[in-house]
PDB file of all heavy atoms in Angstrom:
ATOM      1  N   SER A   1     -71.106 -64.806  92.007  1.00  0.00           N
ATOM      2  CA  SER A   1     -70.433 -64.753  93.306  1.00  0.00           C
ATOM      3  C   SER A   1     -70.956 -63.613  94.166  1.00  0.00           C
ATOM      4  O   SER A   1     -71.213 -63.784  95.370  1.00  0.00           O
ATOM      5  CB  SER A   1     -68.927 -64.597  93.101  1.00  0.00           C
ATOM      6  OG  SER A   1     -68.256 -64.589  94.338  1.00  0.00           O
ATOM      7  N   LYS A   2     -71.133 -62.467  93.542  1.00  0.00           N
ATOM      8  CA  LYS A   2     -71.612 -61.298  94.278  1.00  0.00           C
ATOM      9  C   LYS A   2     -72.995 -61.540  94.862  1.00  0.00           C
ATOM     10  O   LYS A   2     -73.280 -61.196  96.015  1.00  0.00           O
ATOM     11  CB  LYS A   2     -71.636 -60.080  93.351  1.00  0.00           C
ATOM     12  CG  LYS A   2     -72.056 -58.787  94.034  1.00  0.00           C
ATOM     13  CD  LYS A   2     -71.990 -57.618  93.065  1.00  0.00           C
ATOM     14  CE  LYS A   2     -72.394 -56.326  93.749  1.00  0.00           C
ATOM     15  NZ  LYS A   2     -72.346 -55.167  92.796  1.00  0.00           N
ATOM     16  N   GLU A   3     -73.868 -62.165  94.089  1.00  0.00           N
ATOM     17  CA  GLU A   3     -75.223 -62.443  94.561  1.00  0.00           C
ATOM     18  C   GLU A   3     -75.243 -63.563  95.597  1.00  0.00           C
ATOM     19  O   GLU A   3     -75.914 -63.469  96.621  1.00  0.00           O
ATOM     20  CB  GLU A   3     -76.117 -62.824  93.375  1.00  0.00           C
ATOM     21  CG  GLU A   3     -77.562 -63.058  93.763  1.00  0.00           C
ATOM     22  CD  GLU A   3     -78.459 -63.311  92.566  1.00  0.00           C
ATOM     23  OE1 GLU A   3     -78.027 -63.054  91.431  1.00  0.00           O
ATOM     24  OE2 GLU A   3     -79.596 -63.773  92.777  1.00  0.00           O
ATOM     25  N   ALA A   4     -74.485 -64.626  95.347  1.00  0.00           N
ATOM     26  CA  ALA A   4     -74.485 -65.780  96.256  1.00  0.00           C
ATOM     27  C   ALA A   4     -73.873 -65.440  97.606  1.00  0.00           C
ATOM     28  O   ALA A   4     -74.260 -66.016  98.638  1.00  0.00           O
ATOM     29  CB  ALA A   4     -73.721 -66.931  95.611  1.00  0.00           C
ATOM     30  N   LYS A   5     -72.941 -64.513  97.635  1.00  0.00           N
ATOM     31  CA  LYS A   5     -72.275 -64.129  98.879  1.00  0.00           C
ATOM     32  C   LYS A   5     -73.269 -63.597  99.908  1.00  0.00           C
ATOM     33  O   LYS A   5     -73.094 -63.787 101.118  1.00  0.00           O
ATOM     34  CB  LYS A   5     -71.214 -63.070  98.578  1.00  0.00           C
ATOM     35  CG  LYS A   5     -70.430 -62.610  99.799  1.00  0.00           C
ATOM     36  CD  LYS A   5     -69.447 -61.514  99.429  1.00  0.00           C
ATOM     37  CE  LYS A   5     -68.716 -60.996 100.657  1.00  0.00           C
ATOM     38  NZ  LYS A   5     -67.777 -59.894 100.310  1.00  0.00           N
ATOM     39  N   GLU A   6     -74.337 -62.957  99.429  1.00  0.00           N
ATOM     40  CA  GLU A   6     -75.308 -62.334 100.324  1.00  0.00           C
ATOM     41  C   GLU A   6     -76.376 -63.301 100.824  1.00  0.00           C
ATOM     42  O   GLU A   6     -77.229 -62.918 101.620  1.00  0.00           O
ATOM     43  CB  GLU A   6     -75.991 -61.161  99.602  1.00  0.00           C
ATOM     44  CG  GLU A   6     -75.033 -60.110  99.065  1.00  0.00           C
ATOM     45  CD  GLU A   6     -74.134 -59.547 100.155  1.00  0.00           C
ATOM     46  OE1 GLU A   6     -74.658 -59.307 101.274  1.00  0.00           O
ATOM     47  OE2 GLU A   6     -72.930 -59.361  99.900  1.00  0.00           O
ATOM     48  N   LYS A   7     -76.337 -64.547 100.365  1.00  0.00           N
ATOM     49  CA  LYS A   7     -77.375 -65.512 100.736  1.00  0.00           C
ATOM     50  C   LYS A   7     -76.791 -66.664 101.544  1.00  0.00           C
ATOM     51  O   LYS A   7     -75.660 -67.085 101.317  1.00  0.00           O
ATOM     52  CB  LYS A   7     -78.051 -66.069  99.469  1.00  0.00           C
ATOM     53  CG  LYS A   7     -78.748 -65.005  98.635  1.00  0.00           C
ATOM     54  CD  LYS A   7     -79.350 -65.613  97.379  1.00  0.00           C
ATOM     55  CE  LYS A   7     -80.038 -64.559  96.525  1.00  0.00           C
ATOM     56  NZ  LYS A   7     -80.602 -65.133  95.278  1.00  0.00           N
ATOM     57  N   ASP A   8     -77.587 -67.176 102.461  1.00  0.00           N
ATOM     58  CA  ASP A   8     -77.175 -68.315 103.268  1.00  0.00           C
ATOM     59  C   ASP A   8     -77.625 -69.600 102.576  1.00  0.00           C
ATOM     60  O   ASP A   8     -78.546 -70.287 103.020  1.00  0.00           O
ATOM     61  CB  ASP A   8     -77.780 -68.205 104.671  1.00  0.00           C
ATOM     62  CG  ASP A   8     -77.216 -69.247 105.618  1.00  0.00           C
ATOM     63  OD1 ASP A   8     -76.131 -69.784 105.336  1.00  0.00           O
ATOM     64  OD2 ASP A   8     -77.870 -69.550 106.636  1.00  0.00           O
ATOM     65  N   GLU A   9     -76.973 -69.906 101.453  1.00  0.00           N
ATOM     66  CA  GLU A   9     -77.359 -71.042 100.623  1.00  0.00           C
ATOM     67  C   GLU A   9     -76.115 -71.774 100.125  1.00  0.00           C
ATOM     68  O   GLU A   9     -75.048 -71.175  99.980  1.00  0.00           O
ATOM     69  CB  GLU A   9     -78.185 -70.571  99.417  1.00  0.00           C
ATOM     70  CG  GLU A   9     -79.471 -69.858  99.799  1.00  0.00           C
ATOM     71  CD  GLU A   9     -80.193 -69.257  98.609  1.00  0.00           C
ATOM     72  OE1 GLU A   9     -79.639 -69.297  97.479  1.00  0.00           O
ATOM     73  OE2 GLU A   9     -81.321 -68.737  98.800  1.00  0.00           O
ATOM     74  N   VAL A  10     -76.281 -73.064  99.854  1.00  0.00           N
ATOM     75  CA  VAL A  10     -75.208 -73.872  99.296  1.00  0.00           C
ATOM     76  C   VAL A  10     -75.500 -74.086  97.811  1.00  0.00           C
ATOM     77  O   VAL A  10     -76.581 -74.555  97.448  1.00  0.00           O
ATOM     78  CB  VAL A  10     -75.098 -75.238  99.996  1.00  0.00           C
ATOM     79  CG1 VAL A  10     -73.944 -76.046  99.395  1.00  0.00           C
ATOM     80  CG2 VAL A  10     -74.904 -75.064 101.498  1.00  0.00           C
ATOM     81  N   ASN A  11     -74.563 -73.735  96.962  1.00  0.00           N
ATOM     82  CA  ASN A  11     -74.702 -73.914  95.523  1.00  0.00           C
ATOM     83  C   ASN A  11     -73.847 -75.092  95.066  1.00  0.00           C
ATOM     84  O   ASN A  11     -72.691 -75.235  95.491  1.00  0.00           O
ATOM     85  CB  ASN A  11     -74.264 -72.644  94.798  1.00  0.00           C
ATOM     86  CG  ASN A  11     -75.112 -71.450  95.187  1.00  0.00           C
ATOM     87  OD1 ASN A  11     -76.219 -71.275  94.687  1.00  0.00           O
ATOM     88  ND2 ASN A  11     -74.604 -70.624  96.099  1.00  0.00           N
ATOM     89  N   ILE A  12     -74.409 -75.925  94.205  1.00  0.00           N
ATOM     90  CA  ILE A  12     -73.720 -77.109  93.722  1.00  0.00           C
ATOM     91  C   ILE A  12     -73.650 -77.043  92.201  1.00  0.00           C
ATOM     92  O   ILE A  12     -74.681 -76.990  91.525  1.00  0.00           O
ATOM     93  CB  ILE A  12     -74.447 -78.391  94.167  1.00  0.00           C
ATOM     94  CG1 ILE A  12     -74.563 -78.417  95.701  1.00  0.00           C
ATOM     95  CG2 ILE A  12     -73.719 -79.633  93.663  1.00  0.00           C
ATOM     96  CD1 ILE A  12     -75.573 -79.417  96.218  1.00  0.00           C
ATOM     97  N   PHE A  13     -72.433 -77.026  91.670  1.00  0.00           N
ATOM     98  CA  PHE A  13     -72.204 -76.973  90.228  1.00  0.00           C
ATOM     99  C   PHE A  13     -71.735 -78.333  89.749  1.00  0.00           C
ATOM    100  O   PHE A  13     -70.768 -78.887  90.280  1.00  0.00           O
ATOM    101  CB  PHE A  13     -71.117 -75.959  89.877  1.00  0.00           C
ATOM    102  CG  PHE A  13     -71.513 -74.512  89.967  1.00  0.00           C
ATOM    103  CD1 PHE A  13     -72.753 -74.128  90.448  1.00  0.00           C
ATOM    104  CD2 PHE A  13     -70.624 -73.520  89.560  1.00  0.00           C
ATOM    105  CE1 PHE A  13     -73.110 -72.783  90.528  1.00  0.00           C
ATOM    106  CE2 PHE A  13     -70.967 -72.186  89.627  1.00  0.00           C
ATOM    107  CZ  PHE A  13     -72.213 -71.808  90.116  1.00  0.00           C
ATOM    108  N   GLU A  14     -72.380 -78.860  88.731  1.00  0.00           N
ATOM    109  CA  GLU A  14     -71.915 -80.088  88.093  1.00  0.00           C
ATOM    110  C   GLU A  14     -71.195 -79.753  86.788  1.00  0.00           C
ATOM    111  O   GLU A  14     -71.789 -79.190  85.878  1.00  0.00           O
ATOM    112  CB  GLU A  14     -73.093 -81.032  87.801  1.00  0.00           C
ATOM    113  CG  GLU A  14     -72.663 -82.305  87.103  1.00  0.00           C
ATOM    114  CD  GLU A  14     -73.788 -83.016  86.371  1.00  0.00           C
ATOM    115  OE1 GLU A  14     -74.962 -82.605  86.496  1.00  0.00           O
ATOM    116  OE2 GLU A  14     -73.483 -83.971  85.640  1.00  0.00           O
ATOM    117  N   CYS A  15     -69.923 -80.053  86.709  1.00  0.00           N
ATOM    118  CA  CYS A  15     -69.055 -80.000  85.524  1.00  0.00           C
ATOM    119  C   CYS A  15     -68.888 -78.616  84.891  1.00  0.00           C
ATOM    120  O   CYS A  15     -68.412 -78.506  83.758  1.00  0.00           O
ATOM    121  CB  CYS A  15     -69.499 -81.017  84.471  1.00  0.00           C
ATOM    122  SG  CYS A  15     -70.975 -80.594  83.545  1.00  0.00           S
ATOM    123  N   ALA A  16     -69.253 -77.544  85.588  1.00  0.00           N
ATOM    124  CA  ALA A  16     -69.153 -76.210  84.998  1.00  0.00           C
ATOM    125  C   ALA A  16     -67.728 -75.677  84.976  1.00  0.00           C
ATOM    126  O   ALA A  16     -67.362 -74.905  84.085  1.00  0.00           O
ATOM    127  CB  ALA A  16     -70.051 -75.233  85.749  1.00  0.00           C
ATOM    128  N   LEU A  17     -66.921 -76.073  85.941  1.00  0.00           N
ATOM    129  CA  LEU A  17     -65.588 -75.491  86.058  1.00  0.00           C
ATOM    130  C   LEU A  17     -64.547 -76.203  85.204  1.00  0.00           C
ATOM    131  O   LEU A  17     -63.792 -75.560  84.472  1.00  0.00           O
ATOM    132  CB  LEU A  17     -65.132 -75.507  87.523  1.00  0.00           C
ATOM    133  CG  LEU A  17     -63.744 -74.909  87.771  1.00  0.00           C
ATOM    134  CD1 LEU A  17     -63.762 -73.405  87.523  1.00  0.00           C
ATOM    135  CD2 LEU A  17     -63.260 -75.205  89.185  1.00  0.00           C
ATOM    136  N   LEU A  18     -64.486 -77.524  85.283  1.00  0.00           N
ATOM    137  CA  LEU A  18     -63.444 -78.261  84.569  1.00  0.00           C
ATOM    138  C   LEU A  18     -63.930 -78.858  83.250  1.00  0.00           C
ATOM    139  O   LEU A  18     -63.392 -78.547  82.186  1.00  0.00           O
ATOM    140  CB  LEU A  18     -62.869 -79.360  85.462  1.00  0.00           C
ATOM    141  CG  LEU A  18     -61.957 -78.892  86.593  1.00  0.00           C
ATOM    142  CD1 LEU A  18     -61.477 -80.071  87.420  1.00  0.00           C
ATOM    143  CD2 LEU A  18     -60.775 -78.089  86.077  1.00  0.00           C
ATOM    144  N   GLN A  19     -64.920 -79.733  83.298  1.00  0.00           N
ATOM    145  CA  GLN A  19     -65.330 -80.422  82.074  1.00  0.00           C
ATOM    146  C   GLN A  19     -65.617 -79.454  80.936  1.00  0.00           C
ATOM    147  O   GLN A  19     -65.082 -79.592  79.829  1.00  0.00           O
ATOM    148  CB  GLN A  19     -66.567 -81.283  82.329  1.00  0.00           C
ATOM    149  CG  GLN A  19     -67.116 -81.927  81.045  1.00  0.00           C
ATOM    150  CD  GLN A  19     -68.331 -82.792  81.304  1.00  0.00           C
ATOM    151  OE1 GLN A  19     -68.237 -83.841  81.928  1.00  0.00           O
ATOM    152  NE2 GLN A  19     -69.483 -82.349  80.826  1.00  0.00           N
ATOM    153  N   ASN A  20     -66.472 -78.486  81.181  1.00  0.00           N
ATOM    154  CA  ASN A  20     -66.884 -77.586  80.109  1.00  0.00           C
ATOM    155  C   ASN A  20     -65.752 -76.684  79.643  1.00  0.00           C
ATOM    156  O   ASN A  20     -65.567 -76.446  78.437  1.00  0.00           O
ATOM    157  CB  ASN A  20     -68.079 -76.748  80.548  1.00  0.00           C
ATOM    158  CG  ASN A  20     -69.313 -77.601  80.790  1.00  0.00           C
ATOM    159  OD1 ASN A  20     -69.364 -78.764  80.410  1.00  0.00           O
ATOM    160  ND2 ASN A  20     -70.315 -77.025  81.439  1.00  0.00           N
ATOM    161  N   GLN A  21     -64.963 -76.167  80.596  1.00  0.00           N
ATOM    162  CA  GLN A  21     -63.890 -75.246  80.238  1.00  0.00           C
ATOM    163  C   GLN A  21     -62.713 -75.963  79.570  1.00  0.00           C
ATOM    164  O   GLN A  21     -62.187 -75.504  78.552  1.00  0.00           O
ATOM    165  CB  GLN A  21     -63.414 -74.493  81.489  1.00  0.00           C
ATOM    166  CG  GLN A  21     -64.499 -73.738  82.219  1.00  0.00           C
ATOM    167  CD  GLN A  21     -65.258 -72.788  81.319  1.00  0.00           C
ATOM    168  OE1 GLN A  21     -64.659 -72.067  80.511  1.00  0.00           O
ATOM    169  NE2 GLN A  21     -66.572 -72.778  81.434  1.00  0.00           N
ATOM    170  N   VAL A  22     -62.306 -77.104  80.133  1.00  0.00           N
ATOM    171  CA  VAL A  22     -61.180 -77.831  79.553  1.00  0.00           C
ATOM    172  C   VAL A  22     -61.537 -78.333  78.151  1.00  0.00           C
ATOM    173  O   VAL A  22     -60.730 -78.253  77.219  1.00  0.00           O
ATOM    174  CB  VAL A  22     -60.749 -78.997  80.463  1.00  0.00           C
ATOM    175  CG1 VAL A  22     -59.700 -79.865  79.764  1.00  0.00           C
ATOM    176  CG2 VAL A  22     -60.198 -78.469  81.784  1.00  0.00           C
ATOM    177  N   SER A  23     -62.756 -78.846  77.995  1.00  0.00           N
ATOM    178  CA  SER A  23     -63.173 -79.325  76.671  1.00  0.00           C
ATOM    179  C   SER A  23     -63.126 -78.201  75.649  1.00  0.00           C
ATOM    180  O   SER A  23     -62.628 -78.379  74.529  1.00  0.00           O
ATOM    181  CB  SER A  23     -64.584 -79.912  76.747  1.00  0.00           C
ATOM    182  OG  SER A  23     -64.613 -81.080  77.537  1.00  0.00           O
ATOM    183  N   GLU A  24     -63.652 -77.033  76.002  1.00  0.00           N
ATOM    184  CA  GLU A  24     -63.671 -75.907  75.061  1.00  0.00           C
ATOM    185  C   GLU A  24     -62.260 -75.455  74.694  1.00  0.00           C
ATOM    186  O   GLU A  24     -61.916 -75.320  73.514  1.00  0.00           O
ATOM    187  CB  GLU A  24     -64.453 -74.741  75.659  1.00  0.00           C
ATOM    188  CG  GLU A  24     -64.533 -73.508  74.778  1.00  0.00           C
ATOM    189  CD  GLU A  24     -65.413 -73.683  73.545  1.00  0.00           C
ATOM    190  OE1 GLU A  24     -66.175 -74.676  73.482  1.00  0.00           O
ATOM    191  OE2 GLU A  24     -65.339 -72.839  72.640  1.00  0.00           O
ATOM    192  N   LEU A  25     -61.431 -75.228  75.701  1.00  0.00           N
ATOM    193  CA  LEU A  25     -60.109 -74.679  75.428  1.00  0.00           C
ATOM    194  C   LEU A  25     -59.175 -75.709  74.798  1.00  0.00           C
ATOM    195  O   LEU A  25     -58.376 -75.379  73.920  1.00  0.00           O
ATOM    196  CB  LEU A  25     -59.494 -74.120  76.715  1.00  0.00           C
ATOM    197  CG  LEU A  25     -59.818 -72.645  77.001  1.00  0.00           C
ATOM    198  CD1 LEU A  25     -61.312 -72.456  77.293  1.00  0.00           C
ATOM    199  CD2 LEU A  25     -58.990 -72.130  78.174  1.00  0.00           C
ATOM    200  N   MET A  26     -59.285 -76.948  75.228  1.00  0.00           N
ATOM    201  CA  MET A  26     -58.416 -77.990  74.693  1.00  0.00           C
ATOM    202  C   MET A  26     -58.793 -78.354  73.259  1.00  0.00           C
ATOM    203  O   MET A  26     -57.933 -78.445  72.376  1.00  0.00           O
ATOM    204  CB  MET A  26     -58.509 -79.222  75.596  1.00  0.00           C
ATOM    205  CG  MET A  26     -57.769 -80.458  75.098  1.00  0.00           C
ATOM    206  SD  MET A  26     -57.978 -81.835  76.262  1.00  0.00           S
ATOM    207  CE  MET A  26     -58.259 -83.182  75.123  1.00  0.00           C
ATOM    208  N   LEU A  27     -60.087 -78.557  73.013  1.00  0.00           N
ATOM    209  CA  LEU A  27     -60.530 -79.083  71.720  1.00  0.00           C
ATOM    210  C   LEU A  27     -60.685 -78.022  70.639  1.00  0.00           C
ATOM    211  O   LEU A  27     -60.585 -78.326  69.452  1.00  0.00           O
ATOM    212  CB  LEU A  27     -61.845 -79.835  71.892  1.00  0.00           C
ATOM    213  CG  LEU A  27     -61.807 -81.043  72.836  1.00  0.00           C
ATOM    214  CD1 LEU A  27     -63.172 -81.704  72.907  1.00  0.00           C
ATOM    215  CD2 LEU A  27     -60.747 -82.038  72.419  1.00  0.00           C
TER     216      LEU A  27
END
């Protein structure tokens, strides 16, 4: 976040927030 804030760029994350985290914590 700190690095991306300084750049004029769009970042696209596939499944990093929900799929990976929910699978790890749930299973």
